[in-house]
Amino acid sequence: MKQILLVNDVVGYSHVGFAAMQPILTYLGHSVYNLPTALVSNTLDYGHFNIMETTDYMRGTIPVWHRLGFRFDAVCTGLMFSEEQASLVSGFCRQLRSEGTTVFVDPIMGDGGRLYNGLTERQVELMRDMVSVADLTFPNYTEACLLAGIPYKKEGLSWDEATEMMDRIIELGAQAVIITSARIDGQCCVVGRRSAEPLDGFRQYRDEGPYFRLNYNEIPKAFHGTGDIFSAVLIGHLMNGERLSDSTQTAMSVVSSLIERNLGQQDLCLGIPIEKCLDLL
């Protein structure tokens, strides 16, 4: 059993963020803790929402945990809501990493070629700093473009362009990277680049080469929270000792199965009711 800390938002109405990740990681055998970045009334696509940023709470909580000697095997960061918060979390992750904690960064910034509502180019810069302390980061294609400074192309990329994008993200300081929701040479896929060095916390296989590519068939149903589900399954299997490419394939298969089971759901902003679907994990 691993101790895993999630640093992300808590949404009151929708199975996204912490609400989507916690049951998956617990089901996979881990103890899960939360340092909320914000309390959010509901997903933003409903059009009306309320957000209470929790930076003051975070600033007060981190030294308390340090004083009490709390330790985590892994930390996963999500959406940051301010420059101050991003700086605080980045410093916290650097401290944890120096103590042997595996750092996962989900650089939540946008999708479909654009930033999410309310985010700015300054927050892209801050997310690059977050990625610099990551053992593994897993942007979607839009976020990878933002991190790498490469223009988004709706038609997708060639394999050579994809490897260049991963190389640029590694140059930011990340040890390993996975890019989701990519289209490479006309095929939907998830691509990854392993670390050049052995990493604490999860296994990699040197004999497979630095890059991997896993194809999938796209299901035209855009549920909110599927990225959180992917992250949780990926992290859960990595922290159980499985290798990076295998854990990625498992996460892809689980997301696909969950979408197929819930195709009849009308309100996609609600996310997937994960507690009813744990048998698919």
Protein backbone atom coordinates (compact mmCIF):
# COMPACT_ATOMS: atom_id res chain seq x y z
CA MET A 1 0.00 0.00 0.00
CA LYS A 2 1.38 3.42 -1.03
CA GLN A 3 0.59 6.82 0.48
CA ILE A 4 -0.56 9.06 -2.37
CA LEU A 5 -1.29 12.78 -2.07
CA LEU A 6 -3.59 14.48 -4.61
CA VAL A 7 -3.13 18.24 -4.97
CA ASN A 8 -6.15 19.26 -7.00
CA ASP A 9 -9.58 20.86 -6.91
CA VAL A 10 -12.61 19.45 -5.12
CA VAL A 11 -15.79 19.84 -7.20
CA GLY A 12 -19.12 19.71 -5.39
CA TYR A 13 -21.30 18.61 -8.32
CA SER A 14 -19.57 16.24 -10.79
CA HIS A 15 -17.38 13.16 -10.69
CA VAL A 16 -14.16 14.97 -11.61
CA GLY A 17 -10.90 15.89 -9.92
CA PHE A 18 -10.47 14.36 -6.47
CA ALA A 19 -13.94 12.79 -6.59
CA ALA A 20 -12.96 10.77 -9.67
CA MET A 21 -9.43 9.83 -8.59
CA GLN A 22 -9.85 8.88 -4.93
CA PRO A 23 -12.09 5.81 -5.35
CA ILE A 24 -9.89 4.41 -8.13
CA LEU A 25 -6.65 4.73 -6.19
CA THR A 26 -8.27 3.32 -3.06
CA TYR A 27 -9.67 0.38 -5.03
CA LEU A 28 -6.18 -0.28 -6.40
CA GLY A 29 -4.90 -0.62 -2.84
CA HIS A 30 -3.48 2.77 -1.94
CA SER A 31 -4.11 5.28 0.85
CA VAL A 32 -5.21 8.60 -0.64
CA TYR A 33 -4.89 12.10 0.84
CA ASN A 34 -5.90 15.50 -0.53
CA LEU A 35 -4.51 19.02 -0.47
CA PRO A 36 -7.30 20.97 -2.23
CA THR A 37 -6.35 23.83 -4.52
CA ALA A 38 -9.92 25.11 -4.63
CA LEU A 39 -13.51 24.28 -3.80
CA VAL A 40 -15.53 24.45 -7.02
CA SER A 41 -19.32 24.38 -7.15
CA ASN A 42 -19.53 22.44 -10.44
CA THR A 43 -17.68 22.00 -13.72
CA LEU A 44 -17.26 25.27 -15.59
CA ASP A 45 -19.07 24.19 -18.74
CA TYR A 46 -22.41 24.58 -16.94
CA GLY A 47 -21.88 28.29 -17.52
CA HIS A 48 -22.38 29.44 -13.92
CA PHE A 49 -20.06 28.43 -11.10
CA ASN A 50 -18.48 29.48 -7.82
CA ILE A 51 -14.81 28.96 -6.93
CA MET A 52 -13.11 29.44 -3.57
CA GLU A 53 -9.35 29.26 -3.93
CA THR A 54 -7.67 27.59 -0.93
CA THR A 55 -4.11 28.95 -1.12
CA ASP A 56 -4.22 30.25 2.47
CA TYR A 57 -5.35 26.84 3.70
CA MET A 58 -2.56 25.15 1.73
CA ARG A 59 0.04 27.58 3.07
CA GLY A 60 -1.03 26.74 6.62
CA THR A 61 -1.36 22.98 6.08
CA ILE A 62 2.03 22.19 4.52
CA PRO A 63 4.12 23.22 7.60
CA VAL A 64 1.73 21.37 9.91
CA TRP A 65 2.23 18.17 7.91
CA HIS A 66 5.98 18.74 7.92
CA ARG A 67 5.98 19.22 11.70
CA LEU A 68 3.98 16.03 12.16
CA GLY A 69 6.40 14.09 9.98
CA PHE A 70 3.82 13.01 7.39
CA ARG A 71 5.37 11.27 4.38
CA PHE A 72 4.00 10.39 0.94
CA ASP A 73 5.21 7.84 -1.59
CA ALA A 74 3.76 9.87 -4.46
CA VAL A 75 2.14 13.23 -5.11
CA CYS A 76 0.02 14.16 -8.13
CA THR A 77 -0.72 17.80 -8.92
CA GLY A 78 -3.62 19.09 -10.99
CA LEU A 79 -5.22 22.46 -11.74
CA MET A 80 -3.54 25.52 -10.20
CA PHE A 81 -5.64 28.65 -9.64
CA SER A 82 -3.06 31.42 -9.18
CA GLU A 83 0.59 32.31 -9.56
CA GLU A 84 1.06 32.23 -5.80
CA GLN A 85 -0.53 28.79 -5.56
CA ALA A 86 1.54 27.37 -8.40
CA SER A 87 4.73 28.67 -6.78
CA LEU A 88 3.71 27.18 -3.42
CA VAL A 89 2.93 23.76 -4.91
CA SER A 90 6.10 23.73 -7.02
CA GLY A 91 8.22 24.38 -3.94
CA PHE A 92 6.32 21.74 -1.96
CA CYS A 93 6.90 19.18 -4.72
CA ARG A 94 10.61 19.99 -4.82
CA GLN A 95 10.77 19.38 -1.08
CA LEU A 96 8.86 16.09 -1.36
CA ARG A 97 11.00 14.91 -4.24
CA SER A 98 14.17 15.55 -2.20
CA GLU A 99 12.67 13.21 0.42
CA GLY A 100 12.11 10.43 -2.14
CA THR A 101 8.50 11.12 -3.15
CA THR A 102 7.58 10.35 -6.77
CA VAL A 103 6.11 13.49 -8.39
CA PHE A 104 3.36 13.22 -11.01
CA VAL A 105 2.17 16.38 -12.76
CA ASP A 106 -1.08 16.60 -14.69
CA PRO A 107 -0.63 20.00 -16.40
CA ILE A 108 -4.32 20.85 -16.67
CA MET A 109 -4.58 23.90 -18.94
CA GLY A 110 -6.76 23.26 -21.96
CA ASP A 111 -8.11 21.01 -24.69
CA GLY A 112 -9.18 21.22 -28.33
CA GLY A 113 -6.42 23.67 -29.14
CA ARG A 114 -7.33 26.32 -26.55
CA LEU A 115 -6.82 27.23 -22.92
CA TYR A 116 -9.62 26.55 -20.46
CA ASN A 117 -11.80 29.51 -19.48
CA GLY A 118 -9.99 31.91 -17.16
CA LEU A 119 -6.46 30.61 -17.77
CA THR A 120 -3.73 32.83 -19.21
CA GLU A 121 -0.33 32.54 -20.87
CA ARG A 122 1.22 33.36 -17.49
CA GLN A 123 -0.28 30.15 -16.11
CA VAL A 124 1.30 28.24 -18.98
CA GLU A 125 4.68 29.55 -17.82
CA LEU A 126 3.90 28.53 -14.25
CA MET A 127 2.91 25.05 -15.40
CA ARG A 128 6.23 24.69 -17.20
CA ASP A 129 7.87 25.28 -13.82
CA MET A 130 5.65 22.58 -12.28
CA VAL A 131 6.63 20.14 -15.02
CA SER A 132 10.30 20.81 -14.32
CA VAL A 133 10.04 18.91 -11.01
CA ALA A 134 8.03 15.96 -12.37
CA ASP A 135 9.14 12.36 -12.48
CA LEU A 136 6.28 11.89 -14.93
CA THR A 137 3.94 14.39 -16.58
CA PHE A 138 0.94 13.47 -18.73
CA PRO A 139 -0.44 16.39 -20.77
CA ASN A 140 -3.08 15.98 -23.44
CA TYR A 141 -2.08 17.05 -26.94
CA THR A 142 -3.22 20.67 -26.45
CA GLU A 143 -1.32 20.95 -23.16
CA ALA A 144 1.76 19.36 -24.70
CA CYS A 145 1.70 22.01 -27.45
CA LEU A 146 1.50 24.74 -24.80
CA LEU A 147 4.33 23.26 -22.75
CA ALA A 148 6.59 22.67 -25.77
CA GLY A 149 5.80 25.97 -27.48
CA ILE A 150 4.67 24.17 -30.64
CA PRO A 151 1.58 25.32 -32.59
CA TYR A 152 -1.52 23.14 -32.24
CA LYS A 153 -2.50 21.38 -35.46
CA LYS A 154 -6.04 20.05 -35.65
CA GLU A 155 -4.99 17.35 -38.12
CA GLY A 156 -2.36 16.08 -35.69
CA LEU A 157 1.33 15.29 -35.99
CA SER A 158 3.82 13.03 -37.67
CA TRP A 159 5.76 10.59 -35.50
CA ASP A 160 8.90 12.74 -35.85
CA GLU A 161 6.98 15.82 -34.71
CA ALA A 162 5.60 13.87 -31.74
CA THR A 163 9.05 12.76 -30.60
CA GLU A 164 10.32 16.34 -30.94
CA MET A 165 7.42 17.52 -28.75
CA MET A 166 8.24 14.94 -26.08
CA ASP A 167 11.92 15.86 -26.23
CA ARG A 168 11.07 19.52 -25.61
CA ILE A 169 8.98 18.64 -22.56
CA ILE A 170 11.83 16.52 -21.22
CA GLU A 171 14.11 19.54 -21.72
CA LEU A 172 11.89 21.45 -19.28
CA GLY A 173 13.08 19.02 -16.59
CA ALA A 174 10.49 16.24 -16.55
CA GLN A 175 12.01 12.78 -16.31
CA ALA A 176 9.31 11.05 -18.39
CA VAL A 177 6.27 12.18 -20.39
CA ILE A 178 3.03 10.74 -21.77
CA ILE A 179 0.90 12.68 -24.26
CA THR A 180 -2.76 11.68 -24.42
CA SER A 181 -5.43 12.44 -27.02
CA ALA A 182 -2.85 12.70 -29.78
CA ARG A 183 -3.33 12.04 -33.49
CA ILE A 184 -0.15 10.70 -35.04
CA ASP A 185 -0.03 10.04 -38.78
CA GLY A 186 -3.84 10.04 -38.80
CA GLN A 187 -4.23 7.54 -35.93
CA CYS A 188 -5.53 8.32 -32.42
CA CYS A 189 -2.92 7.28 -29.90
CA VAL A 190 -1.13 7.89 -26.63
CA VAL A 191 2.63 8.36 -26.90
CA GLY A 192 5.35 8.37 -24.29
CA ARG A 193 9.02 8.87 -23.65
CA ARG A 194 10.67 7.05 -20.78
CA SER A 195 13.27 8.52 -18.47
CA ALA A 196 16.92 8.18 -19.40
CA GLU A 197 17.63 7.25 -15.77
CA PRO A 198 16.05 4.72 -13.40
CA LEU A 199 13.29 6.38 -11.38
CA ASP A 200 12.24 5.71 -7.83
CA GLY A 201 8.62 4.74 -7.45
CA PHE A 202 7.89 3.01 -10.75
CA ARG A 203 9.59 0.65 -13.18
CA GLN A 204 10.83 1.26 -16.70
CA TYR A 205 12.43 -1.12 -19.15
CA ARG A 206 15.53 0.13 -20.90
CA ASP A 207 15.54 -2.55 -23.61
CA GLU A 208 12.35 -1.16 -25.21
CA GLY A 209 13.91 2.11 -26.35
CA PRO A 210 13.04 5.63 -25.18
CA TYR A 211 9.65 6.05 -26.94
CA PHE A 212 6.41 4.11 -27.13
CA ARG A 213 3.10 4.53 -28.96
CA LEU A 214 -0.27 2.95 -28.14
CA ASN A 215 -3.10 3.30 -30.66
CA TYR A 216 -6.82 3.43 -29.81
CA ASN A 217 -10.19 3.88 -31.47
CA GLU A 218 -11.84 7.14 -30.48
CA ILE A 219 -15.33 7.06 -28.92
CA PRO A 220 -17.17 10.31 -29.81
CA LYS A 221 -18.46 11.01 -26.30
CA ALA A 222 -16.69 13.76 -24.33
CA PHE A 223 -17.28 12.96 -20.65
CA HIS A 224 -15.75 15.33 -18.13
CA GLY A 225 -13.24 13.75 -15.79
CA THR A 226 -11.87 11.04 -18.11
CA GLY A 227 -8.43 12.64 -17.83
CA ASP A 228 -8.63 12.31 -14.05
CA ILE A 229 -9.65 8.67 -14.42
CA PHE A 230 -6.74 8.02 -16.77
CA SER A 231 -4.34 9.65 -14.31
CA ALA A 232 -5.62 7.67 -11.34
CA VAL A 233 -5.46 4.30 -13.09
CA LEU A 234 -2.00 5.09 -14.48
CA ILE A 235 -0.62 6.16 -11.10
CA GLY A 236 -2.29 3.31 -9.25
CA HIS A 237 -0.70 0.68 -11.48
CA LEU A 238 2.69 2.40 -11.59
CA MET A 239 2.81 2.53 -7.80
CA ASN A 240 1.91 -1.16 -7.73
CA GLY A 241 5.15 -1.85 -9.60
CA GLU A 242 3.94 -2.16 -13.18
CA ARG A 243 5.97 -0.69 -16.03
CA LEU A 244 5.13 2.59 -17.71
CA SER A 245 3.85 1.35 -21.09
CA ASP A 246 1.74 -1.41 -19.50
CA SER A 247 0.21 1.00 -16.98
CA THR A 248 -0.56 3.43 -19.79
CA GLN A 249 -2.30 0.73 -21.82
CA THR A 250 -4.33 -0.33 -18.79
CA ALA A 251 -5.43 3.26 -18.16
CA MET A 252 -6.49 3.63 -21.80
CA SER A 253 -8.48 0.40 -21.71
CA VAL A 254 -10.24 1.35 -18.46
CA VAL A 255 -11.26 4.78 -19.78
CA SER A 256 -12.62 3.18 -22.96
CA SER A 257 -14.62 0.59 -21.00
CA LEU A 258 -16.05 3.23 -18.66
CA ILE A 259 -17.20 5.41 -21.56
CA GLU A 260 -18.81 2.46 -23.33
CA ARG A 261 -20.71 1.42 -20.18
CA ASN A 262 -22.09 4.95 -19.71
CA LEU A 263 -22.89 5.90 -23.30
CA GLY A 264 -26.55 6.45 -22.38
CA GLN A 265 -25.78 9.21 -19.88
CA GLN A 266 -27.08 12.58 -21.11
CA ASP A 267 -25.25 15.07 -18.87
CA LEU A 268 -21.59 14.60 -19.78
CA CYS A 269 -20.51 17.41 -17.42
CA LEU A 270 -21.39 15.13 -14.49
CA GLY A 271 -18.54 12.81 -15.37
CA ILE A 272 -18.65 9.05 -14.99
CA PRO A 273 -20.14 7.57 -11.78
CA ILE A 274 -16.95 5.71 -11.01
CA GLU A 275 -18.18 4.07 -7.80
CA LYS A 276 -20.68 2.07 -9.87
CA CYS A 277 -17.97 0.92 -12.27
CA LEU A 278 -15.09 -0.21 -10.08
CA ASP A 279 -15.44 -3.75 -11.43
CA LEU A 280 -13.95 -2.45 -14.72
CA LEU A 281 -10.68 -1.57 -13.02
